[in-house]
Amino acid sequence: MKEDDMLKLKTFEIKEGMELVCDTLRWDEGWEFDCPSMMISPVIRCFEDGRHHESIREEVLINGIVKGAIKDENFEETWGWRGFKLPVLKRRFREALAGKKFPKANYKAERVVVKIVKDDRGELIWEEIKPTENATARGDSRPTGV
């Protein structure tokens, strides 16, 4: 058994015609130098630099098209030391997308559905096929930096 199988990391081969639901979450807990962001679906990717939703999607999709596949990042290895828990962040994504208010943090959730297609030159690209869903769930006591 490969380590990836034991860790249950998902890998998706990028193929023409496939549709991907791209869920991203960005949050601000009032930390001076940090605004974490992540892709939750179709794969897990973590960013500590306050990256915007579109930038996250672009990086994951471009790398996936170039490499032929996209793969989960090991969340526990990347962010486990910070005390972040993946199930909690997935729940925060759903709650933020629904517009819930949080007392101590600001969350911004975004869902975009893309389809992998070929351009005029026969190269794989993606196009958004459903309207973007997004919501900002702001806490009452923190800055609005997301």
N, C-alpha and C. Protein backbone atom coordinates (compact mmCIF):
# COMPACT_ATOMS: atom_id res chain seq x y z
N MET A 1 0.84 -1.18 0.00
CA MET A 1 0.00 0.00 0.00
C MET A 1 0.89 1.25 0.00
N LYS A 2 0.60 2.16 -0.88
CA LYS A 2 1.36 3.40 -0.93
C LYS A 2 0.97 4.30 0.24
N GLU A 3 1.91 5.16 0.63
CA GLU A 3 1.63 6.09 1.73
C GLU A 3 0.40 6.93 1.42
N ASP A 4 0.23 7.36 0.16
CA ASP A 4 -0.93 8.17 -0.21
C ASP A 4 -2.23 7.42 0.05
N ASP A 5 -2.23 6.10 -0.19
CA ASP A 5 -3.42 5.31 0.06
C ASP A 5 -3.72 5.25 1.56
N MET A 6 -2.67 5.11 2.38
CA MET A 6 -2.87 5.05 3.82
C MET A 6 -3.38 6.38 4.36
N LEU A 7 -2.92 7.49 3.78
CA LEU A 7 -3.35 8.81 4.22
C LEU A 7 -4.68 9.22 3.61
N LYS A 8 -5.18 8.43 2.66
CA LYS A 8 -6.43 8.71 1.97
C LYS A 8 -6.38 10.04 1.20
N LEU A 9 -5.25 10.31 0.55
CA LEU A 9 -5.12 11.50 -0.28
C LEU A 9 -5.74 11.21 -1.64
N LYS A 10 -6.57 12.13 -2.10
CA LYS A 10 -7.22 11.96 -3.39
C LYS A 10 -6.35 12.50 -4.52
N THR A 11 -6.41 11.82 -5.66
CA THR A 11 -5.77 12.28 -6.88
C THR A 11 -6.79 12.21 -8.01
N PHE A 12 -6.88 13.27 -8.80
CA PHE A 12 -7.77 13.30 -9.95
C PHE A 12 -6.96 13.51 -11.21
N GLU A 13 -7.11 12.63 -12.16
CA GLU A 13 -6.50 12.83 -13.47
C GLU A 13 -7.34 13.88 -14.20
N ILE A 14 -6.67 14.85 -14.80
CA ILE A 14 -7.37 15.93 -15.51
C ILE A 14 -7.67 15.46 -16.93
N LYS A 15 -8.95 15.45 -17.27
CA LYS A 15 -9.38 14.99 -18.60
C LYS A 15 -10.37 15.97 -19.19
N GLU A 16 -10.37 16.05 -20.49
CA GLU A 16 -11.33 16.90 -21.20
C GLU A 16 -12.74 16.45 -20.84
N GLY A 17 -13.59 17.43 -20.59
CA GLY A 17 -15.00 17.17 -20.30
C GLY A 17 -15.34 17.03 -18.84
N MET A 18 -14.33 16.87 -17.98
CA MET A 18 -14.64 16.70 -16.56
C MET A 18 -15.07 18.03 -15.95
N GLU A 19 -15.99 17.94 -15.00
CA GLU A 19 -16.44 19.11 -14.25
C GLU A 19 -15.91 19.00 -12.83
N LEU A 20 -15.44 20.11 -12.31
CA LEU A 20 -14.87 20.15 -10.96
C LEU A 20 -15.56 21.24 -10.16
N VAL A 21 -15.98 20.91 -8.96
CA VAL A 21 -16.51 21.91 -8.02
C VAL A 21 -15.32 22.40 -7.22
N CYS A 22 -15.01 23.68 -7.37
CA CYS A 22 -13.86 24.28 -6.69
C CYS A 22 -14.35 25.10 -5.50
N ASP A 23 -14.17 24.57 -4.30
CA ASP A 23 -14.56 25.25 -3.07
C ASP A 23 -13.31 25.81 -2.41
N THR A 24 -13.35 27.10 -2.09
CA THR A 24 -12.21 27.73 -1.43
C THR A 24 -12.69 28.50 -0.20
N LEU A 25 -11.81 28.59 0.79
CA LEU A 25 -12.12 29.27 2.04
C LEU A 25 -10.94 30.14 2.42
N ARG A 26 -11.25 31.33 2.89
CA ARG A 26 -10.23 32.28 3.34
C ARG A 26 -10.72 32.87 4.65
N TRP A 27 -9.83 33.00 5.64
CA TRP A 27 -10.31 33.53 6.91
C TRP A 27 -9.27 34.41 7.57
N ASP A 28 -9.79 35.28 8.44
CA ASP A 28 -8.98 36.25 9.16
C ASP A 28 -9.42 36.21 10.61
N GLU A 29 -8.52 35.82 11.48
CA GLU A 29 -8.84 35.79 12.91
C GLU A 29 -8.16 36.94 13.64
N GLY A 30 -7.81 37.98 12.88
CA GLY A 30 -7.21 39.14 13.49
C GLY A 30 -5.72 39.04 13.75
N TRP A 31 -5.08 38.02 13.20
CA TRP A 31 -3.64 37.87 13.38
C TRP A 31 -2.92 38.94 12.57
N GLU A 32 -1.82 39.41 13.08
CA GLU A 32 -1.12 40.52 12.44
C GLU A 32 -0.56 40.17 11.06
N PHE A 33 0.00 38.99 10.89
CA PHE A 33 0.68 38.67 9.63
C PHE A 33 0.09 37.48 8.88
N ASP A 34 -1.10 37.06 9.21
CA ASP A 34 -1.56 35.81 8.67
C ASP A 34 -3.03 35.88 8.26
N CYS A 35 -3.32 35.36 7.11
CA CYS A 35 -4.69 35.23 6.62
C CYS A 35 -4.74 33.93 5.82
N PRO A 36 -4.92 32.80 6.50
CA PRO A 36 -4.88 31.52 5.80
C PRO A 36 -5.98 31.39 4.76
N SER A 37 -5.70 30.59 3.75
CA SER A 37 -6.70 30.29 2.73
C SER A 37 -6.45 28.87 2.25
N MET A 38 -7.50 28.26 1.69
CA MET A 38 -7.34 26.89 1.25
C MET A 38 -8.37 26.51 0.20
N MET A 39 -8.03 25.48 -0.56
CA MET A 39 -8.99 24.83 -1.44
C MET A 39 -9.46 23.60 -0.68
N ILE A 40 -10.77 23.42 -0.61
CA ILE A 40 -11.37 22.30 0.09
C ILE A 40 -11.81 21.22 -0.90
N SER A 41 -12.20 21.65 -2.09
CA SER A 41 -12.68 20.71 -3.10
C SER A 41 -12.26 21.24 -4.47
N PRO A 42 -11.87 20.41 -5.40
CA PRO A 42 -11.90 18.95 -5.39
C PRO A 42 -10.74 18.30 -4.64
N VAL A 43 -9.71 19.06 -4.34
CA VAL A 43 -8.58 18.55 -3.55
C VAL A 43 -8.28 19.53 -2.43
N ILE A 44 -7.50 19.07 -1.46
CA ILE A 44 -7.10 19.91 -0.33
C ILE A 44 -5.77 20.56 -0.66
N ARG A 45 -5.74 21.89 -0.58
CA ARG A 45 -4.50 22.66 -0.74
C ARG A 45 -4.53 23.79 0.27
N CYS A 46 -3.42 24.06 0.92
CA CYS A 46 -3.32 25.07 1.97
C CYS A 46 -2.37 26.18 1.57
N PHE A 47 -2.75 27.42 1.89
CA PHE A 47 -1.93 28.59 1.59
C PHE A 47 -1.92 29.49 2.82
N GLU A 48 -0.75 29.95 3.21
CA GLU A 48 -0.64 30.80 4.39
C GLU A 48 -0.51 32.28 4.05
N ASP A 49 -0.55 32.61 2.79
CA ASP A 49 -0.22 33.97 2.39
C ASP A 49 -1.43 34.82 2.05
N GLY A 50 -2.61 34.45 2.49
CA GLY A 50 -3.79 35.26 2.23
C GLY A 50 -4.20 35.27 0.78
N ARG A 51 -3.90 34.24 0.07
CA ARG A 51 -4.20 34.16 -1.35
C ARG A 51 -5.71 34.29 -1.59
N HIS A 52 -6.05 34.96 -2.68
CA HIS A 52 -7.46 35.13 -3.04
C HIS A 52 -7.98 33.88 -3.74
N HIS A 53 -9.29 33.73 -3.74
CA HIS A 53 -9.96 32.55 -4.28
C HIS A 53 -9.56 32.26 -5.73
N GLU A 54 -9.60 33.27 -6.56
CA GLU A 54 -9.27 33.06 -7.97
C GLU A 54 -7.83 32.59 -8.14
N SER A 55 -6.93 33.13 -7.36
CA SER A 55 -5.52 32.74 -7.43
C SER A 55 -5.33 31.28 -7.00
N ILE A 56 -6.06 30.86 -5.98
CA ILE A 56 -5.99 29.46 -5.54
C ILE A 56 -6.44 28.54 -6.67
N ARG A 57 -7.61 28.85 -7.25
CA ARG A 57 -8.12 28.02 -8.36
C ARG A 57 -7.14 27.97 -9.51
N GLU A 58 -6.61 29.13 -9.89
CA GLU A 58 -5.67 29.17 -11.01
C GLU A 58 -4.45 28.31 -10.75
N GLU A 59 -3.86 28.43 -9.57
CA GLU A 59 -2.66 27.64 -9.28
C GLU A 59 -2.95 26.14 -9.34
N VAL A 60 -4.01 25.72 -8.70
CA VAL A 60 -4.33 24.28 -8.66
C VAL A 60 -4.67 23.77 -10.06
N LEU A 61 -5.50 24.51 -10.80
CA LEU A 61 -5.91 24.05 -12.12
C LEU A 61 -4.78 24.09 -13.14
N ILE A 62 -4.00 25.15 -13.14
CA ILE A 62 -2.86 25.23 -14.08
C ILE A 62 -1.89 24.09 -13.81
N ASN A 63 -1.52 23.90 -12.53
CA ASN A 63 -0.61 22.80 -12.20
C ASN A 63 -1.20 21.45 -12.57
N GLY A 64 -2.50 21.30 -12.36
CA GLY A 64 -3.16 20.04 -12.72
C GLY A 64 -3.15 19.78 -14.20
N ILE A 65 -3.39 20.81 -15.00
CA ILE A 65 -3.37 20.64 -16.45
C ILE A 65 -1.96 20.33 -16.93
N VAL A 66 -0.97 21.04 -16.39
CA VAL A 66 0.42 20.81 -16.79
C VAL A 66 0.88 19.41 -16.38
N LYS A 67 0.57 19.00 -15.16
CA LYS A 67 1.02 17.70 -14.65
C LYS A 67 0.09 16.55 -15.03
N GLY A 68 -1.12 16.87 -15.47
CA GLY A 68 -2.07 15.84 -15.85
C GLY A 68 -2.93 15.34 -14.71
N ALA A 69 -2.71 15.86 -13.50
CA ALA A 69 -3.50 15.42 -12.35
C ALA A 69 -3.40 16.46 -11.24
N ILE A 70 -4.39 16.44 -10.38
CA ILE A 70 -4.35 17.25 -9.16
C ILE A 70 -4.45 16.28 -7.99
N LYS A 71 -3.79 16.65 -6.89
CA LYS A 71 -3.69 15.73 -5.76
C LYS A 71 -3.83 16.50 -4.46
N ASP A 72 -4.45 15.83 -3.47
CA ASP A 72 -4.55 16.41 -2.13
C ASP A 72 -3.17 16.69 -1.57
N GLU A 73 -3.09 17.74 -0.78
CA GLU A 73 -1.93 18.00 0.05
C GLU A 73 -2.19 17.33 1.40
N ASN A 74 -1.16 16.88 2.07
CA ASN A 74 -1.33 16.27 3.39
C ASN A 74 -1.63 17.38 4.39
N PHE A 75 -2.91 17.55 4.70
CA PHE A 75 -3.36 18.64 5.56
C PHE A 75 -2.70 18.59 6.93
N GLU A 76 -2.67 17.42 7.54
CA GLU A 76 -2.10 17.30 8.89
C GLU A 76 -0.63 17.71 8.90
N GLU A 77 0.09 17.33 7.88
CA GLU A 77 1.51 17.68 7.80
C GLU A 77 1.69 19.18 7.60
N THR A 78 0.82 19.77 6.79
CA THR A 78 0.94 21.19 6.45
C THR A 78 0.43 22.10 7.56
N TRP A 79 -0.75 21.79 8.11
CA TRP A 79 -1.37 22.70 9.08
C TRP A 79 -1.71 22.07 10.41
N GLY A 80 -1.48 20.79 10.58
CA GLY A 80 -1.83 20.15 11.84
C GLY A 80 -1.15 20.78 13.04
N TRP A 81 0.10 21.21 12.85
CA TRP A 81 0.86 21.81 13.94
C TRP A 81 0.24 23.11 14.44
N ARG A 82 -0.59 23.74 13.58
CA ARG A 82 -1.23 25.00 13.97
C ARG A 82 -2.52 24.79 14.74
N GLY A 83 -2.93 23.53 14.81
CA GLY A 83 -4.18 23.24 15.52
C GLY A 83 -5.40 23.28 14.63
N PHE A 84 -5.22 23.55 13.32
CA PHE A 84 -6.36 23.55 12.41
C PHE A 84 -6.84 22.12 12.20
N LYS A 85 -8.13 21.94 12.12
CA LYS A 85 -8.74 20.63 11.88
C LYS A 85 -9.56 20.70 10.60
N LEU A 86 -9.28 19.79 9.68
CA LEU A 86 -9.95 19.80 8.38
C LEU A 86 -11.47 19.69 8.49
N PRO A 87 -12.03 18.80 9.32
CA PRO A 87 -13.50 18.75 9.41
C PRO A 87 -14.10 20.07 9.88
N VAL A 88 -13.41 20.76 10.79
CA VAL A 88 -13.91 22.06 11.27
C VAL A 88 -13.89 23.08 10.14
N LEU A 89 -12.81 23.12 9.36
CA LEU A 89 -12.73 24.09 8.26
C LEU A 89 -13.74 23.78 7.16
N LYS A 90 -14.00 22.51 6.91
CA LYS A 90 -15.05 22.16 5.94
C LYS A 90 -16.41 22.64 6.42
N ARG A 91 -16.67 22.49 7.72
CA ARG A 91 -17.93 22.99 8.29
C ARG A 91 -17.99 24.51 8.20
N ARG A 92 -16.87 25.17 8.51
CA ARG A 92 -16.82 26.64 8.40
C ARG A 92 -17.12 27.09 6.96
N PHE A 93 -16.61 26.34 5.98
CA PHE A 93 -16.90 26.66 4.58
C PHE A 93 -18.41 26.63 4.35
N ARG A 94 -19.05 25.53 4.74
CA ARG A 94 -20.50 25.40 4.52
C ARG A 94 -21.26 26.50 5.25
N GLU A 95 -20.86 26.79 6.49
CA GLU A 95 -21.54 27.81 7.27
C GLU A 95 -21.33 29.19 6.67
N ALA A 96 -20.11 29.49 6.24
CA ALA A 96 -19.82 30.80 5.64
C ALA A 96 -20.58 30.98 4.33
N LEU A 97 -20.63 29.92 3.52
CA LEU A 97 -21.35 30.01 2.25
C LEU A 97 -22.84 30.26 2.51
N ALA A 98 -23.35 29.76 3.63
CA ALA A 98 -24.75 29.98 4.00
C ALA A 98 -24.95 31.34 4.66
N GLY A 99 -23.84 32.08 4.95
CA GLY A 99 -23.95 33.43 5.50
C GLY A 99 -23.94 33.52 7.01
N LYS A 100 -23.52 32.48 7.70
CA LYS A 100 -23.47 32.51 9.16
C LYS A 100 -22.47 33.57 9.64
N LYS A 101 -22.80 34.22 10.75
CA LYS A 101 -21.86 35.15 11.39
C LYS A 101 -21.06 34.41 12.44
N PHE A 102 -19.79 34.79 12.57
CA PHE A 102 -18.91 34.17 13.54
C PHE A 102 -18.45 35.24 14.52
N PRO A 103 -18.36 34.91 15.81
CA PRO A 103 -18.01 35.94 16.80
C PRO A 103 -16.56 36.39 16.77
N LYS A 104 -15.62 35.55 16.33
CA LYS A 104 -14.21 35.91 16.47
C LYS A 104 -13.43 35.91 15.17
N ALA A 105 -14.04 35.65 14.04
CA ALA A 105 -13.28 35.56 12.80
C ALA A 105 -14.15 35.95 11.61
N ASN A 106 -13.50 36.28 10.53
CA ASN A 106 -14.17 36.56 9.27
C ASN A 106 -13.82 35.45 8.30
N TYR A 107 -14.83 34.89 7.66
CA TYR A 107 -14.62 33.81 6.70
C TYR A 107 -15.21 34.24 5.37
N LYS A 108 -14.51 33.90 4.29
CA LYS A 108 -15.06 34.11 2.97
C LYS A 108 -15.00 32.78 2.24
N ALA A 109 -16.15 32.32 1.79
CA ALA A 109 -16.26 31.04 1.10
C ALA A 109 -16.66 31.31 -0.35
N GLU A 110 -16.11 30.50 -1.24
CA GLU A 110 -16.46 30.66 -2.66
C GLU A 110 -16.54 29.29 -3.31
N ARG A 111 -17.57 29.10 -4.13
CA ARG A 111 -17.76 27.86 -4.89
C ARG A 111 -17.89 28.24 -6.37
N VAL A 112 -17.04 27.62 -7.18
CA VAL A 112 -17.05 27.82 -8.62
C VAL A 112 -17.02 26.44 -9.28
N VAL A 113 -17.88 26.22 -10.25
CA VAL A 113 -17.87 24.96 -10.99
C VAL A 113 -17.21 25.23 -12.33
N VAL A 114 -16.18 24.44 -12.64
CA VAL A 114 -15.45 24.60 -13.90
C VAL A 114 -15.53 23.31 -14.70
N LYS A 115 -15.34 23.47 -16.00
CA LYS A 115 -15.30 22.32 -16.90
C LYS A 115 -13.98 22.38 -17.65
N ILE A 116 -13.33 21.24 -17.77
CA ILE A 116 -12.07 21.15 -18.51
C ILE A 116 -12.43 20.96 -19.99
N VAL A 117 -11.94 21.87 -20.82
CA VAL A 117 -12.23 21.86 -22.26
C VAL A 117 -10.93 22.07 -23.03
N LYS A 118 -11.00 21.89 -24.34
CA LYS A 118 -9.85 22.20 -25.20
C LYS A 118 -10.09 23.54 -25.88
N ASP A 119 -9.01 24.31 -25.99
CA ASP A 119 -9.10 25.60 -26.67
C ASP A 119 -8.90 25.39 -28.17
N ASP A 120 -8.81 26.49 -28.92
CA ASP A 120 -8.66 26.43 -30.38
C ASP A 120 -7.40 25.70 -30.82
N ARG A 121 -6.38 25.70 -29.95
CA ARG A 121 -5.11 25.02 -30.27
C ARG A 121 -5.08 23.57 -29.81
N GLY A 122 -6.19 23.12 -29.20
CA GLY A 122 -6.25 21.74 -28.72
C GLY A 122 -5.64 21.54 -27.34
N GLU A 123 -5.35 22.64 -26.64
CA GLU A 123 -4.78 22.54 -25.30
C GLU A 123 -5.89 22.60 -24.26
N LEU A 124 -5.69 21.87 -23.16
CA LEU A 124 -6.69 21.88 -22.10
C LEU A 124 -6.69 23.22 -21.36
N ILE A 125 -7.88 23.70 -21.10
CA ILE A 125 -8.11 24.91 -20.29
C ILE A 125 -9.35 24.62 -19.45
N TRP A 126 -9.76 25.56 -18.63
CA TRP A 126 -11.02 25.41 -17.90
C TRP A 126 -11.88 26.63 -18.17
N GLU A 127 -13.18 26.42 -18.04
CA GLU A 127 -14.12 27.53 -18.13
C GLU A 127 -15.15 27.37 -17.02
N GLU A 128 -15.58 28.49 -16.47
CA GLU A 128 -16.61 28.44 -15.43
C GLU A 128 -17.94 28.14 -16.10
N ILE A 129 -18.66 27.17 -15.55
CA ILE A 129 -19.91 26.77 -16.18
C ILE A 129 -21.14 27.06 -15.32
N LYS A 130 -20.93 27.44 -14.07
CA LYS A 130 -22.05 27.82 -13.21
C LYS A 130 -21.68 29.12 -12.52
N PRO A 131 -22.65 29.93 -12.22
CA PRO A 131 -22.34 31.20 -11.54
C PRO A 131 -21.61 30.97 -10.23
N THR A 132 -20.71 31.87 -9.93
CA THR A 132 -19.94 31.80 -8.69
C THR A 132 -20.88 32.02 -7.51
N GLU A 133 -20.75 31.15 -6.51
CA GLU A 133 -21.45 31.36 -5.24
C GLU A 133 -20.40 31.82 -4.25
N ASN A 134 -20.66 32.93 -3.57
CA ASN A 134 -19.72 33.34 -2.54
C ASN A 134 -20.45 34.07 -1.43
N ALA A 135 -19.84 34.06 -0.29
CA ALA A 135 -20.40 34.74 0.86
C ALA A 135 -19.28 35.11 1.80
N THR A 136 -19.43 36.24 2.44
CA THR A 136 -18.50 36.65 3.48
C THR A 136 -19.26 36.61 4.78
N ALA A 137 -18.74 35.87 5.73
CA ALA A 137 -19.36 35.77 7.06
C ALA A 137 -18.45 36.47 8.03
N ARG A 138 -18.81 37.68 8.39
CA ARG A 138 -17.94 38.49 9.23
C ARG A 138 -18.29 38.36 10.70
N GLY A 139 -17.26 38.29 11.50
CA GLY A 139 -17.45 38.35 12.94
C GLY A 139 -17.64 39.81 13.35
N ASP A 140 -18.18 40.04 14.51
CA ASP A 140 -18.45 41.40 14.95
C ASP A 140 -17.25 42.10 15.55
N SER A 141 -16.24 41.33 15.99
CA SER A 141 -15.16 41.94 16.76
C SER A 141 -13.81 41.95 16.06
N ARG A 142 -13.75 41.55 14.82
CA ARG A 142 -12.47 41.46 14.13
C ARG A 142 -12.44 42.35 12.91
N PRO A 143 -11.24 42.64 12.40
CA PRO A 143 -11.13 43.43 11.18
C PRO A 143 -11.75 42.69 10.00
N THR A 144 -12.02 43.42 8.95
CA THR A 144 -12.66 42.85 7.77
C THR A 144 -11.65 42.61 6.67
N GLY A 145 -10.54 41.98 6.99
CA GLY A 145 -9.43 41.79 6.05
C GLY A 145 -9.59 40.68 5.04
N VAL A 146 -10.73 40.01 4.98
CA VAL A 146 -10.88 38.94 4.00
C VAL A 146 -11.65 39.40 2.80
